[in-house]
C-alpha atoms as a PDB file:
ATOM      1  CA  MET A   1      16.917  -2.358 -10.747  1.00  0.00           C
ATOM      2  CA  GLY A   2      15.171   0.358  -8.444  1.00  0.00           C
ATOM      3  CA  ALA A   3      12.319   0.375  -6.033  1.00  0.00           C
ATOM      4  CA  VAL A   4       9.068  -0.158  -7.436  1.00  0.00           C
ATOM      5  CA  PRO A   5       5.949   1.809  -6.282  1.00  0.00           C
ATOM      6  CA  TYR A   6       2.608   0.082  -5.428  1.00  0.00           C
ATOM      7  CA  TRP A   7      -0.811   1.648  -3.955  1.00  0.00           C
ATOM      8  CA  TYR A   8      -4.169   0.421  -3.086  1.00  0.00           C
ATOM      9  CA  PHE A   9      -7.608   1.947  -2.142  1.00  0.00           C
ATOM     10  CA  VAL A  10      -9.809   0.143   0.212  1.00  0.00           C
ATOM     11  CA  ARG A  11     -13.123   1.127   1.847  1.00  0.00           C
ATOM     12  CA  TYR A  12     -12.606   3.407   4.830  1.00  0.00           C
ATOM     13  CA  GLN A  13     -12.515   2.065   8.546  1.00  0.00           C
ATOM     14  CA  PRO A  14     -11.228   3.922  11.681  1.00  0.00           C
ATOM     15  CA  ASP A  15      -8.938   0.814  12.473  1.00  0.00           C
ATOM     16  CA  VAL A  16      -6.298   1.344  10.064  1.00  0.00           C
ATOM     17  CA  GLU A  17      -4.350  -1.630  11.437  1.00  0.00           C
ATOM     18  CA  ALA A  18      -7.330  -3.718  10.509  1.00  0.00           C
ATOM     19  CA  ALA A  19      -7.863  -2.394   7.030  1.00  0.00           C
ATOM     20  CA  LEU A  20      -4.008  -3.093   6.354  1.00  0.00           C
ATOM     21  CA  GLN A  21      -4.272  -6.592   7.597  1.00  0.00           C
ATOM     22  CA  GLU A  22      -7.400  -7.459   5.455  1.00  0.00           C
ATOM     23  CA  LEU A  23      -5.763  -5.742   2.485  1.00  0.00           C
ATOM     24  CA  ARG A  24      -2.730  -8.088   3.201  1.00  0.00           C
ATOM     25  CA  GLU A  25      -4.780 -11.273   3.315  1.00  0.00           C
ATOM     26  CA  ARG A  26      -6.730 -10.203   0.244  1.00  0.00           C
ATOM     27  CA  GLU A  27      -3.729  -9.591  -2.086  1.00  0.00           C
ATOM     28  CA  PHE A  28      -1.828 -12.586  -0.603  1.00  0.00           C
ATOM     29  CA  ARG A  29      -4.765 -15.164  -1.400  1.00  0.00           C
ATOM     30  CA  ALA A  30      -5.095 -13.340  -4.897  1.00  0.00           C
ATOM     31  CA  GLY A  31      -1.393 -14.330  -5.262  1.00  0.00           C
ATOM     32  CA  ARG A  32      -0.666 -10.781  -6.482  1.00  0.00           C
ATOM     33  CA  TYR A  33       2.865 -10.293  -5.271  1.00  0.00           C
ATOM     34  CA  ASN A  34       6.252 -11.437  -6.351  1.00  0.00           C
ATOM     35  CA  PRO A  35       7.376 -14.375  -6.852  1.00  0.00           C
ATOM     36  CA  VAL A  36       3.780 -15.464  -7.774  1.00  0.00           C
ATOM     37  CA  MET A  37       3.668 -12.383 -10.247  1.00  0.00           C
ATOM     38  CA  PRO A  38       6.863 -10.681 -10.444  1.00  0.00           C
ATOM     39  CA  PHE A  39       5.596  -7.176 -11.370  1.00  0.00           C
ATOM     40  CA  PRO A  40       2.192  -6.963  -9.980  1.00  0.00           C
ATOM     41  CA  PRO A  41      -0.250  -4.547 -11.940  1.00  0.00           C
ATOM     42  CA  PHE A  42      -0.988  -1.449 -10.275  1.00  0.00           C
ATOM     43  CA  PRO A  43      -3.642   0.178  -9.729  1.00  0.00           C
ATOM     44  CA  VAL A  44      -5.499  -3.247  -8.534  1.00  0.00           C
ATOM     45  CA  ARG A  45      -8.821  -3.232 -10.416  1.00  0.00           C
ATOM     46  CA  PRO A  46     -11.889  -5.750  -9.482  1.00  0.00           C
ATOM     47  CA  ASP A  47     -11.025  -7.623 -12.940  1.00  0.00           C
ATOM     48  CA  ALA A  48      -7.414  -7.555 -11.797  1.00  0.00           C
ATOM     49  CA  PRO A  49      -5.228 -10.839 -12.416  1.00  0.00           C
ATOM     50  CA  ALA A  50      -5.554 -13.485  -9.360  1.00  0.00           C
ATOM     51  CA  PRO A  51      -3.456 -16.299  -9.854  1.00  0.00           C
ATOM     52  CA  GLY A  52      -4.091 -17.428  -6.351  1.00  0.00           C
ATOM     53  CA  ALA A  53      -1.271 -17.668  -3.257  1.00  0.00           C
ATOM     54  CA  ARG A  54       1.482 -20.067  -4.014  1.00  0.00           C
ATOM     55  CA  HIS A  55       2.714 -20.187  -0.465  1.00  0.00           C
ATOM     56  CA  ARG A  56       1.164 -21.266   2.814  1.00  0.00           C
ATOM     57  CA  ARG A  57       1.449 -18.366   4.790  1.00  0.00           C
ATOM     58  CA  ILE A  58       2.406 -14.445   3.777  1.00  0.00           C
ATOM     59  CA  GLY A  59       5.464 -15.216   5.790  1.00  0.00           C
ATOM     60  CA  ASP A  60       6.399 -18.054   3.387  1.00  0.00           C
ATOM     61  CA  ALA A  61       5.702 -15.491   0.512  1.00  0.00           C
ATOM     62  CA  LEU A  62       8.320 -12.891   2.083  1.00  0.00           C
ATOM     63  CA  ARG A  63      11.113 -15.344   2.337  1.00  0.00           C
ATOM     64  CA  ALA A  64      10.401 -16.629  -1.034  1.00  0.00           C
ATOM     65  CA  SER A  65      10.690 -13.147  -2.702  1.00  0.00           C
ATOM     66  CA  GLY A  66      14.434 -12.632  -1.316  1.00  0.00           C
ATOM     67  CA  ALA A  67      15.799  -8.978  -1.139  1.00  0.00           C
ATOM     68  CA  ASP A  68      13.477  -7.585  -3.913  1.00  0.00           C
ATOM     69  CA  GLY A  69      10.213  -8.189  -1.279  1.00  0.00           C
ATOM     70  CA  THR A  70       6.768  -9.149  -2.612  1.00  0.00           C
ATOM     71  CA  ARG A  71       6.634  -5.794  -4.596  1.00  0.00           C
ATOM     72  CA  SER A  72       3.362  -5.608  -2.766  1.00  0.00           C
ATOM     73  CA  ILE A  73       1.465  -4.628   0.303  1.00  0.00           C
ATOM     74  CA  LEU A  74       2.932  -8.006   1.874  1.00  0.00           C
ATOM     75  CA  ASP A  75       5.963  -6.241   2.421  1.00  0.00           C
ATOM     76  CA  LEU A  76       4.387  -3.656   5.013  1.00  0.00           C
ATOM     77  CA  GLY A  77       3.474  -5.854   8.006  1.00  0.00           C
ATOM     78  CA  ARG A  78       2.180  -3.105  10.455  1.00  0.00           C
ATOM     79  CA  VAL A  79       1.537   0.266  11.110  1.00  0.00           C
ATOM     80  CA  SER A  80       3.750   2.756  12.797  1.00  0.00           C
ATOM     81  CA  GLU A  81       3.542   6.448  14.133  1.00  0.00           C
ATOM     82  CA  LYS A  82       6.582   7.497  11.939  1.00  0.00           C
ATOM     83  CA  PRO A  83       8.260   6.002   8.846  1.00  0.00           C
ATOM     84  CA  ALA A  84       9.804   2.635   9.404  1.00  0.00           C
ATOM     85  CA  LEU A  85      10.938  -0.437   7.517  1.00  0.00           C
ATOM     86  CA  GLY A  86       8.245  -2.975   6.715  1.00  0.00           C
ATOM     87  CA  ALA A  87       5.591  -0.550   7.985  1.00  0.00           C
ATOM     88  CA  VAL A  88       3.015   1.921   6.766  1.00  0.00           C
ATOM     89  CA  ALA A  89       2.474   5.425   8.548  1.00  0.00           C
ATOM     90  CA  PRO A  90       0.271   8.158   8.292  1.00  0.00           C
ATOM     91  CA  PHE A  91       1.196  10.680   5.690  1.00  0.00           C
ATOM     92  CA  PRO A  92       1.989  14.182   7.806  1.00  0.00           C
ATOM     93  CA  ASP A  93      -0.645  17.172   7.623  1.00  0.00           C
ATOM     94  CA  ASP A  94       2.113  19.455   6.118  1.00  0.00           C
ATOM     95  CA  VAL A  95       2.903  17.057   3.371  1.00  0.00           C
ATOM     96  CA  LEU A  96      -0.872  16.919   2.384  1.00  0.00           C
ATOM     97  CA  LEU A  97      -1.291  20.607   2.601  1.00  0.00           C
ATOM     98  CA  ARG A  98       1.573  21.038   0.713  1.00  0.00           C
ATOM     99  CA  LEU A  99       0.535  18.531  -2.254  1.00  0.00           C
ATOM    100  CA  TYR A 100      -3.317  19.050  -2.165  1.00  0.00           C
ATOM    101  CA  GLY A 101      -4.065  22.130  -0.406  1.00  0.00           C
ATOM    102  CA  THR A 102      -5.914  20.271   2.489  1.00  0.00           C
ATOM    103  CA  THR A 103      -5.696  17.598   4.964  1.00  0.00           C
ATOM    104  CA  ARG A 104      -9.063  15.902   3.822  1.00  0.00           C
ATOM    105  CA  PRO A 105      -8.169  14.944  -0.096  1.00  0.00           C
ATOM    106  CA  THR A 106     -10.327  13.213  -2.276  1.00  0.00           C
ATOM    107  CA  ARG A 107      -9.434  10.016  -4.217  1.00  0.00           C
ATOM    108  CA  GLU A 108      -8.924  12.253  -7.370  1.00  0.00           C
ATOM    109  CA  MET A 109      -6.376  14.151  -5.855  1.00  0.00           C
ATOM    110  CA  VAL A 110      -4.487  11.228  -4.341  1.00  0.00           C
ATOM    111  CA  GLU A 111      -4.615   9.401  -7.741  1.00  0.00           C
ATOM    112  CA  GLN A 112      -2.527  12.102  -9.281  1.00  0.00           C
ATOM    113  CA  GLY A 113       0.525  10.180  -7.519  1.00  0.00           C
ATOM    114  CA  ALA A 114       2.201  13.455  -6.069  1.00  0.00           C
ATOM    115  CA  ASP A 115       3.063  11.187  -2.843  1.00  0.00           C
ATOM    116  CA  SER A 116       5.946   9.253  -4.642  1.00  0.00           C
ATOM    117  CA  GLY A 117       8.785  11.436  -3.487  1.00  0.00           C
ATOM    118  CA  TYR A 118       8.066  11.006  -0.021  1.00  0.00           C
ATOM    119  CA  ILE A 119       8.099   7.127   0.408  1.00  0.00           C
ATOM    120  CA  GLU A 120      11.311   5.346   0.958  1.00  0.00           C
ATOM    121  CA  ARG A 121      12.146   1.941   0.055  1.00  0.00           C
ATOM    122  CA  GLY A 122      10.932  -0.753   1.896  1.00  0.00           C
ATOM    123  CA  GLN A 123       8.408   1.896   3.539  1.00  0.00           C
ATOM    124  CA  GLY A 124       4.645   2.917   3.375  1.00  0.00           C
ATOM    125  CA  ILE A 125       2.179   5.407   3.723  1.00  0.00           C
ATOM    126  CA  TYR A 126      -1.546   5.623   4.578  1.00  0.00           C
ATOM    127  CA  ILE A 127      -3.815   8.541   4.069  1.00  0.00           C
ATOM    128  CA  PRO A 128      -7.557   8.857   4.862  1.00  0.00           C
ATOM    129  CA  VAL A 129      -9.273   9.725   1.269  1.00  0.00           C
ATOM    130  CA  TYR A 130     -12.567  11.687   1.571  1.00  0.00           C
ATOM    131  CA  ARG A 131     -15.703  11.972  -0.113  1.00  0.00           C
ATOM    132  CA  GLY A 132     -17.339  15.439   1.137  1.00  0.00           C
ATOM    133  CA  ASP A 133     -16.706  15.823   4.870  1.00  0.00           C
ATOM    134  CA  GLN A 134     -16.660  11.996   5.386  1.00  0.00           C
ATOM    135  CA  PRO A 135     -13.779   9.626   5.201  1.00  0.00           C
ATOM    136  CA  ASP A 136     -14.593   7.245   2.408  1.00  0.00           C
ATOM    137  CA  GLU A 137     -11.638   5.094   1.586  1.00  0.00           C
ATOM    138  CA  LEU A 138      -7.816   4.666   2.987  1.00  0.00           C
ATOM    139  CA  TYR A 139      -5.113   4.797   0.419  1.00  0.00           C
ATOM    140  CA  PHE A 140      -2.058   2.562   1.139  1.00  0.00           C
ATOM    141  CA  ALA A 141       1.193   3.232  -1.092  1.00  0.00           C
ATOM    142  CA  GLY A 142       4.919   1.886  -0.731  1.00  0.00           C
ATOM    143  CA  TYR A 143       7.972   1.198  -2.266  1.00  0.00           C
ATOM    144  CA  SER A 144       9.452  -2.130  -2.772  1.00  0.00           C
ATOM    145  CA  TYR A 145      13.087  -2.991  -1.050  1.00  0.00           C
ATOM    146  CA  ASP A 146      14.559  -3.011  -4.545  1.00  0.00           C
END
C-alpha cells in the first residue's frame, strides 16, 4: 500500500510548535488515528467521527500503529527547519510562489492540494494561511510512512 496523505487547518498562532502539539493532542483524544480508525477521514470537520483514544499516550498509539504509522498528525512530533522524518517543516517560499503566486496563500488556494508532490513519506509541512494581510490559520500536512 502507498503512503496516505493527511492535512489539517488550525487557528493561527505564532508558536508553530505549540500549535502542532495542541493539534496532536486534539486528534489523539478524538481517536482519529490508526489503529483506532485505520483510515481517518480528511479533511477533519467539526462533526468528524471521534471514537476516542484507545491508548494511554501518543507514544503508545505510535507503537501500536506499527510500520504504517498512525496515518495522522500524531506521526509528526516536532517542528524542524528542514524536512525530516517525524517532523513538520516550513513550506519553502520559492515553492509557495510557484504554486500559489504568493508567499501568503489563502485557505482557498491551499485547499486545492497542490502541495502533495512536495512531501515525502513520514514527513510534513506547515503553511501560515492568510485572510487579507493577516495570518488566520496554520495548515499542517503530511504523508504516512506506508
